[in-house]
Protein backbone atom coordinates (compact mmCIF):
# COMPACT_ATOMS: atom_id res chain seq x y z
CA UNK A 1 84.89 112.89 31.23
CA UNK A 2 83.81 109.33 30.50
CA UNK A 3 85.06 108.04 33.87
CA UNK A 4 82.77 110.36 35.88
CA UNK A 5 80.43 107.37 36.17
CA UNK A 6 80.39 106.72 39.96
CA UNK A 7 81.06 103.03 39.32
CA UNK A 8 84.38 103.97 37.76
CA UNK A 9 85.66 106.58 40.21
CA UNK A 10 88.68 104.43 40.99
CA UNK A 11 89.91 105.15 37.46
CA UNK A 12 90.17 108.83 38.42
CA UNK A 13 92.93 107.86 40.83
CA UNK A 14 94.79 105.99 38.11
CA UNK A 15 94.39 108.91 35.71
CA UNK A 16 95.60 111.34 38.39
CA UNK A 17 98.68 109.31 39.30
CA UNK A 18 99.72 108.42 35.76
CA UNK A 19 99.76 112.11 34.78
CA UNK A 20 98.75 111.86 31.14
CA UNK A 21 100.10 108.32 30.66
CA UNK A 22 96.71 106.73 31.34
CA UNK A 23 96.40 104.86 28.04
CA UNK A 24 99.89 103.39 28.37
CA UNK A 25 99.13 102.33 31.95
CA UNK A 26 95.93 100.55 30.88
CA UNK A 27 97.80 98.74 28.12
CA UNK A 28 100.58 97.66 30.49
CA UNK A 29 98.07 96.51 33.09
CA UNK A 30 96.07 94.51 30.55
CA UNK A 31 99.16 92.74 29.21
CA UNK A 32 100.72 92.10 32.63
CA UNK A 33 103.73 94.30 31.86
CA UNK A 34 103.14 96.61 34.83
CA UNK A 35 104.46 94.07 37.33
CA UNK A 36 107.21 92.72 35.09
CA UNK A 37 108.61 96.01 33.81
CA UNK A 38 111.99 96.73 35.35
CA UNK A 39 112.50 100.20 33.86
CA UNK A 40 110.44 103.25 34.84
CA UNK A 41 110.70 106.30 32.62
CA UNK A 42 110.96 109.68 34.30
CA UNK A 43 112.76 112.99 34.27
CA UNK A 44 114.39 114.51 37.36
CA UNK A 45 116.32 117.77 37.22
CA UNK A 46 119.27 117.67 39.68
CA UNK A 47 119.79 120.72 41.90
CA UNK A 48 123.27 121.69 43.05
CA UNK A 49 123.93 123.35 46.40
CA UNK A 50 127.35 124.99 46.29
CA UNK A 51 127.07 126.95 49.54
CA UNK A 52 127.78 124.00 51.91
CA UNK A 53 126.34 125.93 54.86
CA UNK A 54 123.88 124.81 57.56
CA UNK A 55 120.47 125.29 55.95
CA UNK A 56 117.98 122.75 57.38
CA UNK A 57 118.45 122.27 61.15
CA UNK A 58 115.90 119.46 61.45
CA UNK A 59 117.57 117.57 58.61
CA UNK A 60 120.98 118.04 60.24
CA UNK A 61 119.70 116.66 63.57
CA UNK A 62 118.14 113.63 61.90
CA UNK A 63 121.33 113.05 59.91
CA UNK A 64 123.32 113.02 63.18
CA UNK A 65 120.88 110.53 64.71
CA UNK A 66 121.15 108.33 61.61
CA UNK A 67 124.94 108.21 62.01
CA UNK A 68 124.67 107.31 65.69
CA UNK A 69 121.90 104.74 65.35
CA UNK A 70 123.28 102.74 62.44
CA UNK A 71 123.03 98.98 62.83
CA UNK A 72 124.41 95.99 60.96
CA UNK A 73 122.14 93.04 60.05
CA UNK A 74 125.13 90.70 60.27
CA UNK A 75 126.22 91.95 63.69
CA UNK A 76 123.07 93.06 65.49
CA UNK A 77 120.56 90.30 64.66
CA UNK A 78 120.55 86.76 66.09
CA UNK A 79 119.48 84.85 62.99
CA UNK A 80 119.09 81.58 64.93
CA UNK A 81 115.81 82.72 66.54
CA UNK A 82 113.53 81.78 63.62
CA UNK A 83 110.25 80.05 64.44
CA UNK A 84 109.69 76.43 63.37
CA UNK A 85 107.59 75.52 60.32
CA UNK A 86 105.26 73.45 62.52
CA UNK A 87 104.05 76.53 64.42
CA UNK A 88 101.81 79.41 63.35
CA UNK A 89 103.98 82.22 61.96
CA UNK A 90 101.27 84.77 62.83
CA UNK A 91 99.66 84.97 66.26
CA UNK A 92 96.49 82.89 66.31
CA UNK A 93 94.51 85.83 67.72
CA UNK A 94 95.04 87.92 64.58
CA UNK A 95 95.77 85.38 61.82
CA UNK A 96 92.94 85.97 59.36
CA UNK A 97 92.93 82.39 58.12
CA UNK A 98 91.73 81.20 61.53
CA UNK A 99 88.92 83.75 61.72
CA UNK A 100 87.21 83.31 58.36
CA UNK A 101 84.05 81.19 58.40
CA UNK A 102 85.76 78.11 56.94
CA UNK A 103 85.12 75.53 59.63
CA UNK A 104 85.35 71.98 58.37
CA UNK A 105 86.84 73.09 55.05
CA UNK A 106 90.49 73.56 56.04
CA UNK A 107 92.70 71.42 58.31
CA UNK A 108 95.17 72.91 60.79
CA UNK A 109 98.24 71.80 58.83
CA UNK A 110 97.00 73.81 55.84
CA UNK A 111 96.34 76.85 58.02
CA UNK A 112 99.80 76.71 59.60
CA UNK A 113 101.35 76.50 56.14
CA UNK A 114 99.18 79.40 54.99
CA UNK A 115 100.33 81.51 57.95
CA UNK A 116 103.94 81.05 56.83
CA UNK A 117 103.07 81.83 53.22
CA UNK A 118 101.17 84.97 54.23
CA UNK A 119 104.15 86.12 56.27
CA UNK A 120 106.54 85.45 53.37
CA UNK A 121 104.19 87.24 50.96
CA UNK A 122 103.95 90.24 53.30
CA UNK A 123 107.70 90.39 53.78
CA UNK A 124 108.17 90.11 50.01
CA UNK A 125 106.00 93.20 49.51
CA UNK A 126 107.92 95.02 52.22
CA UNK A 127 111.20 94.07 50.53
CA UNK A 128 109.94 95.45 47.20
CA UNK A 129 108.79 98.60 48.98
CA UNK A 130 112.23 99.06 50.51
CA UNK A 131 113.80 98.90 47.03
CA UNK A 132 111.32 101.53 45.87
CA UNK A 133 112.27 103.69 48.85
CA UNK A 134 115.97 103.25 48.01
CA UNK A 135 115.43 104.42 44.43
CA UNK A 136 113.25 107.34 45.44
CA UNK A 137 115.60 108.52 48.19
CA UNK A 138 118.30 108.60 45.54
CA UNK A 139 116.09 110.73 43.28
CA UNK A 140 115.19 113.11 46.09
CA UNK A 141 118.87 113.71 46.83
CA UNK A 142 119.03 115.27 43.38
CA UNK A 143 116.06 117.60 43.77
CA UNK A 144 116.36 118.61 47.44
CA UNK A 145 117.85 122.10 47.59
CA UNK A 146 119.08 122.05 51.23
CA UNK A 147 122.49 120.47 51.78
CA UNK A 148 121.45 119.18 55.21
CA UNK A 149 118.47 117.56 53.48
CA UNK A 150 120.69 115.97 50.85
CA UNK A 151 122.90 114.51 53.58
CA UNK A 152 119.93 113.08 55.48
CA UNK A 153 118.49 111.56 52.30
CA UNK A 154 121.88 109.94 51.68
CA UNK A 155 121.65 108.41 55.15
CA UNK A 156 118.12 107.25 54.34
CA UNK A 157 119.41 105.53 51.21
CA UNK A 158 121.88 103.69 53.45
CA UNK A 159 119.03 102.77 55.79
CA UNK A 160 117.02 101.35 52.90
CA UNK A 161 120.02 99.34 51.71
CA UNK A 162 120.35 97.90 55.22
CA UNK A 163 116.65 97.01 55.27
CA UNK A 164 116.94 95.28 51.89
CA UNK A 165 119.86 93.26 53.23
CA UNK A 166 117.99 92.28 56.40
CA UNK A 167 114.71 91.33 54.71
CA UNK A 168 116.50 89.45 51.91
CA UNK A 169 118.33 87.43 54.51
CA UNK A 170 115.10 86.80 56.43
CA UNK A 171 113.50 85.46 53.23
CA UNK A 172 116.51 83.31 52.35
CA UNK A 173 115.26 79.86 51.41
CA UNK A 174 111.71 81.07 50.75
CA UNK A 175 110.06 82.05 47.51
CA UNK A 176 110.10 85.84 47.14
CA UNK A 177 106.66 86.67 45.81
CA UNK A 178 106.24 89.07 42.92
CA UNK A 179 105.36 92.65 43.75
CA UNK A 180 101.63 93.30 44.19
CA UNK A 181 100.01 95.15 41.31
CA UNK A 182 98.81 98.06 43.46
CA UNK A 183 102.16 98.54 45.19
CA UNK A 184 104.06 98.48 41.89
CA UNK A 185 101.68 101.01 40.38
CA UNK A 186 101.96 103.38 43.34
CA UNK A 187 105.77 103.26 43.47
CA UNK A 188 106.07 103.62 39.69
CA UNK A 189 103.88 106.72 39.88
CA UNK A 190 106.40 108.28 42.32
CA UNK A 191 109.46 107.32 40.34
CA UNK A 192 108.12 108.58 37.01
CA UNK A 193 106.78 111.98 38.11
CA UNK A 194 108.89 115.11 37.91
CA UNK A 195 106.91 116.68 40.78
CA UNK A 196 109.15 116.30 43.82
CA UNK A 197 106.29 117.14 46.24
CA UNK A 198 104.32 114.19 44.92
CA UNK A 199 107.40 112.04 45.29
CA UNK A 200 107.90 113.18 48.86
CA UNK A 201 104.22 112.81 49.81
CA UNK A 202 104.09 109.44 48.12
CA UNK A 203 107.18 107.83 49.55
CA UNK A 204 108.31 109.76 52.64
CA UNK A 205 104.77 110.10 54.06
CA UNK A 206 102.49 107.54 52.43
CA UNK A 207 104.63 104.46 51.81
CA UNK A 208 106.97 105.01 54.75
CA UNK A 209 103.99 105.82 56.99
CA UNK A 210 102.09 102.77 55.74
CA UNK A 211 105.18 100.64 56.30
CA UNK A 212 105.66 102.02 59.80
CA UNK A 213 102.06 101.19 60.67
CA UNK A 214 102.37 97.74 59.10
CA UNK A 215 105.58 97.07 61.01
CA UNK A 216 103.88 98.05 64.26
CA UNK A 217 101.04 95.61 63.58
CA UNK A 218 103.42 92.84 62.53
CA UNK A 219 105.70 93.35 65.51
CA UNK A 220 102.73 92.70 67.77
CA UNK A 221 101.14 89.93 65.69
CA UNK A 222 104.04 87.88 64.33
CA UNK A 223 104.93 84.75 66.27
CA UNK A 224 108.51 84.72 65.00
CA UNK A 225 110.99 86.23 67.51
CA UNK A 226 113.55 86.72 64.74
CA UNK A 227 111.21 88.93 62.70
CA UNK A 228 110.25 90.79 65.87
CA UNK A 229 113.93 91.67 66.41
CA UNK A 230 114.44 92.79 62.79
CA UNK A 231 111.30 94.94 62.74
CA UNK A 232 112.29 96.68 65.96
CA UNK A 233 115.54 97.81 64.35
CA UNK A 234 113.90 98.79 61.05
CA UNK A 235 111.17 100.84 62.76
CA UNK A 236 113.84 102.94 64.44
CA UNK A 237 114.99 104.04 60.99
CA UNK A 238 111.51 104.49 59.48
CA UNK A 239 110.45 106.93 62.18
CA UNK A 240 113.27 109.27 61.11
CA UNK A 241 112.25 108.99 57.46
CA UNK A 242 108.64 109.96 58.12
CA UNK A 243 109.69 112.82 60.40
CA UNK A 244 111.99 114.22 57.73
CA UNK A 245 109.30 113.90 55.08
CA UNK A 246 106.76 115.80 57.18
CA UNK A 247 109.17 118.66 57.84
CA UNK A 248 110.29 118.85 54.22
CA UNK A 249 106.83 118.86 52.67
CA UNK A 250 105.00 121.05 55.18
CA UNK A 251 107.35 123.97 54.66
CA UNK A 252 106.91 123.79 50.89
CA UNK A 253 103.12 123.42 50.68
CA UNK A 254 102.66 127.02 51.81
CA UNK A 255 104.22 128.06 48.50
CA UNK A 256 101.37 126.51 46.46
CA UNK A 257 98.28 128.25 45.13
CA UNK A 258 94.78 126.85 45.78
CA UNK A 259 94.68 124.75 42.61
CA UNK A 260 98.08 123.21 43.34
CA UNK A 261 97.10 122.44 46.94
CA UNK A 262 93.89 120.78 45.72
CA UNK A 263 96.02 118.64 43.42
CA UNK A 264 98.18 117.52 46.36
CA UNK A 265 95.06 116.72 48.43
CA UNK A 266 93.62 114.67 45.57
CA UNK A 267 96.89 112.89 45.01
CA UNK A 268 97.23 111.95 48.70
CA UNK A 269 93.69 110.58 48.74
CA UNK A 270 94.28 108.56 45.58
CA UNK A 271 97.28 106.92 47.24
CA UNK A 272 95.24 106.14 50.36
CA UNK A 273 92.46 104.55 48.35
CA UNK A 274 94.93 102.41 46.42
CA UNK A 275 96.43 100.80 49.54
CA UNK A 276 93.36 100.74 51.85
CA UNK A 277 91.43 97.49 52.26
CA UNK A 278 87.83 98.50 51.60
CA UNK A 279 84.63 96.50 51.67
CA UNK A 280 83.81 97.42 48.08
CA UNK A 281 87.11 95.94 46.93
CA UNK A 282 88.31 99.25 45.54
CA UNK A 283 91.82 99.03 46.94
CA UNK A 284 94.12 96.90 49.02
CA UNK A 285 96.55 94.26 47.88
CA UNK A 286 94.70 91.92 45.53
CA UNK A 287 97.51 89.37 45.47
CA UNK A 288 96.81 88.56 49.14
CA UNK A 289 93.35 87.34 48.10
CA UNK A 290 94.93 85.21 45.40
CA UNK A 291 97.42 83.80 47.91
CA UNK A 292 94.60 82.60 50.16
CA UNK A 293 92.67 81.20 47.20
CA UNK A 294 95.73 79.24 46.08
CA UNK A 295 96.79 77.84 49.45
CA UNK A 296 93.46 77.07 51.14
CA UNK A 297 93.02 74.08 48.86
CA UNK A 298 90.47 72.65 46.39
CA UNK A 299 87.84 71.94 49.04
CA UNK A 300 87.37 75.67 49.54
CA UNK A 301 86.99 76.27 45.81
CA UNK A 302 84.10 73.80 45.66
CA UNK A 303 82.21 75.67 48.39
CA UNK A 304 82.76 79.37 47.70
CA UNK A 305 83.84 81.52 44.77
CA UNK A 306 87.00 83.59 44.57
CA UNK A 307 84.93 86.78 44.72
CA UNK A 308 83.20 85.55 47.88
CA UNK A 309 86.52 84.77 49.55
CA UNK A 310 87.96 88.16 48.59
CA UNK A 311 84.85 89.89 49.99
CA UNK A 312 85.07 87.88 53.23
CA UNK A 313 88.69 88.91 53.66
CA UNK A 314 88.27 92.60 52.81
CA UNK A 315 85.23 93.05 55.05
CA UNK A 316 86.49 91.05 58.02
CA UNK A 317 86.89 93.07 61.26
CA UNK A 318 90.58 92.06 61.43
CA UNK A 319 91.23 93.80 58.11
CA UNK A 320 89.23 96.82 59.21
CA UNK A 321 91.23 96.90 62.45
CA UNK A 322 94.41 96.82 60.35
CA UNK A 323 93.13 99.77 58.32
CA UNK A 324 92.33 101.77 61.43
CA UNK A 325 95.72 101.14 63.03
CA UNK A 326 97.74 101.92 59.91
CA UNK A 327 95.67 104.90 58.83
CA UNK A 328 94.34 106.36 62.09
CA UNK A 329 97.61 106.06 63.99
CA UNK A 330 100.02 106.85 61.18
CA UNK A 331 98.86 108.10 57.79
CA UNK A 332 95.92 110.32 58.65
CA UNK A 333 97.73 112.21 61.44
CA UNK A 334 100.58 112.82 59.02
CA UNK A 335 98.28 114.10 56.28
CA UNK A 336 96.52 116.32 58.80
CA UNK A 337 99.90 117.67 59.94
CA UNK A 338 100.58 118.63 56.33
CA UNK A 339 97.19 120.33 55.96
CA UNK A 340 96.05 117.81 53.33
CA UNK A 341 92.93 116.72 55.25
CA UNK A 342 90.35 119.40 54.46
CA UNK A 343 86.58 119.72 54.29
CA UNK A 344 86.86 119.34 50.53
CA UNK A 345 88.24 115.78 50.71
CA UNK A 346 86.74 114.73 54.06
CA UNK A 347 83.75 112.87 52.53
CA UNK A 348 86.06 110.74 50.39
CA UNK A 349 87.94 109.40 53.39
CA UNK A 350 84.66 108.73 55.18
CA UNK A 351 83.47 106.75 52.15
CA UNK A 352 86.52 104.52 52.63
CA UNK A 353 85.37 103.82 56.18
CA UNK A 354 88.19 105.87 57.70
CA UNK A 355 87.30 108.09 60.65
CA UNK A 356 88.58 111.65 60.26
CA UNK A 357 86.19 113.46 62.64
CA UNK A 358 88.95 114.17 65.16
CA UNK A 359 90.76 116.38 62.64
CA UNK A 360 87.87 118.81 62.23
CA UNK A 361 86.50 121.27 64.76
CA UNK A 362 83.05 120.46 66.11
């Protein structure tokens, strides 16, 4: 096809995830409608379970844990512990703004303000992701055939509602940034597909796994004790969600033929490439680059171009360290557990700069 040109391989991912709606996606992206659109078309066929008998022991155990570990943002969080606006919101050791080669171009007051804006932007994306998880959990309740699974997914929907409440309260008084283009596209691709395995891989493994890795990084790097407390509670829930997703999907992948398994491998890789920060700029969250460009001030714009700044950010060791933590400690082990890391797709992950050697026999 026309997008076999190696310079355009990223379009293969878009084509794969839009499932025949490629032209409409391109039109929406070009007009800006992709981020503004509040309705996602899709077709899900609900599945009844009228037996009401124990049928998914792992789901039942996780459902019991969810009932016991429930927490209340109003009761269990001390909202007075927020950091002051005159302090860095992100630890100075890992705040990217302090480690770019911008000496003499940016004053400390600007960098402190940028650290708060980056944190608000990041939390805004997490908030949007939680709403996507809420909607998808609701869809998966319909298609999951095990009653124990339906009950757990109902508890996950409650978890996501609690996370939305907590993060909305954390962002109270701040501008909630619009959803990043890449994140909106990925979540829309889950919500609009009628393939429940893609939905489960996409949200329960990829997005929840990416979020869990991001939370782990933020919990260690944020300088705000309030956010540290909130993330600790949220991560307790997210671990259950990923565990359920792995158990649900792994048991079903054995039912697929070779072509269908290849499709799942390709789909998982496409998702990884969309959210990974790569040196060639092929993925990652582009709005973070724009945030830096906007808030670093006019002096920066007279010295370097936007493309140069974006390249500096994407290729910086801090961003590569973030990739390794999120992918190597969360997403890649999960994909390997599912059998979706194979020799067929191994070179693609290596091209992204992600180490997968440990998942293959010497």
